[in-house]
Amino acid sequence: MPKPSNQIAKPKSCYFCQENISEADYKDTQTLRRFIYPYGKIIPKRRSGACAKHQRKIATAIKRARIMALMPFTNK
């Protein structure tokens, strides 16, 4: 259902900028789980609200955590 044109979407703010976190650590899986869907896909920037700089770091950290077997590639 489309949004009525008189409502303005509130811009989301970056979690890492708000919390003054400079790096996305691949070992911090609890924080990284906020940025993946339940079935394992990385949430896009427009949905997560992360700024471009932190979205790139989030994606890299998630991929590293997957390779180190800290996070799953998929959830079935």
Protein backbone atom coordinates (compact mmCIF):
# COMPACT_ATOMS: atom_id res chain seq x y z
CA MET A 1 0.00 0.00 0.00
CA PRO A 2 1.59 3.30 -1.08
CA LYS A 3 2.18 6.09 1.39
CA PRO A 4 -0.08 9.14 1.13
CA SER A 5 1.76 12.04 -0.49
CA ASN A 6 1.17 14.35 2.47
CA GLN A 7 3.34 12.21 4.79
CA ILE A 8 7.07 12.83 4.77
CA ALA A 9 9.37 9.93 5.56
CA LYS A 10 11.66 10.58 8.51
CA PRO A 11 15.30 9.99 7.55
CA LYS A 12 16.97 7.24 9.52
CA SER A 13 20.18 8.04 11.32
CA CYS A 14 23.33 5.96 11.30
CA TYR A 15 23.68 3.71 14.36
CA PHE A 16 27.48 3.94 14.31
CA CYS A 17 27.49 7.75 14.06
CA GLN A 18 24.99 8.04 16.93
CA GLU A 19 26.98 5.73 19.21
CA ASN A 20 30.37 7.25 18.20
CA ILE A 21 31.64 3.86 17.00
CA SER A 22 34.36 4.37 14.40
CA GLU A 23 34.84 0.76 13.22
CA ALA A 24 32.49 -2.16 12.65
CA ASP A 25 34.24 -5.06 14.37
CA TYR A 26 33.73 -8.50 12.84
CA LYS A 27 33.97 -10.09 16.30
CA ASP A 28 30.98 -8.09 17.59
CA THR A 29 28.29 -10.33 16.09
CA GLN A 30 25.48 -8.97 18.29
CA THR A 31 25.83 -5.53 16.70
CA LEU A 32 26.25 -6.96 13.20
CA ARG A 33 23.06 -9.04 13.53
CA ARG A 34 21.10 -5.77 13.43
CA PHE A 35 22.25 -5.36 9.83
CA ILE A 36 21.30 -8.76 8.38
CA TYR A 37 17.88 -10.19 7.58
CA PRO A 38 16.78 -13.30 9.51
CA TYR A 39 17.68 -15.44 6.49
CA GLY A 40 21.23 -14.03 6.33
CA LYS A 41 21.20 -11.32 3.65
CA ILE A 42 22.88 -7.97 4.39
CA ILE A 43 20.32 -5.17 4.82
CA PRO A 44 20.79 -2.35 2.27
CA LYS A 45 21.73 1.18 3.27
CA ARG A 46 18.31 2.64 2.48
CA ARG A 47 16.71 0.16 4.91
CA SER A 48 19.32 0.14 7.70
CA GLY A 49 19.77 3.92 7.79
CA ALA A 50 23.57 3.63 7.98
CA CYS A 51 25.69 6.27 6.28
CA ALA A 52 27.68 5.19 3.21
CA LYS A 53 31.01 4.99 5.05
CA HIS A 54 29.67 2.78 7.81
CA GLN A 55 27.56 0.64 5.45
CA ARG A 56 30.74 -0.35 3.60
CA LYS A 57 32.45 -1.21 6.90
CA ILE A 58 29.40 -3.16 8.07
CA ALA A 59 29.34 -5.23 4.88
CA THR A 60 33.07 -5.98 5.15
CA ALA A 61 32.75 -6.94 8.83
CA ILE A 62 29.80 -9.25 8.12
CA LYS A 63 31.69 -10.95 5.31
CA ARG A 64 34.73 -11.43 7.55
CA ALA A 65 32.57 -12.82 10.35
CA ARG A 66 31.02 -15.28 7.90
CA ILE A 67 34.43 -16.49 6.76
CA MET A 68 35.56 -16.91 10.38
CA ALA A 69 32.33 -18.92 11.03
CA LEU A 70 31.05 -16.38 13.59
CA MET A 71 27.94 -15.69 11.51
CA PRO A 72 26.01 -17.91 9.10
CA PHE A 73 25.93 -17.41 5.36
CA THR A 74 22.26 -18.48 5.37
CA ASN A 75 19.63 -19.49 7.87
CA LYS A 76 17.36 -22.27 6.71
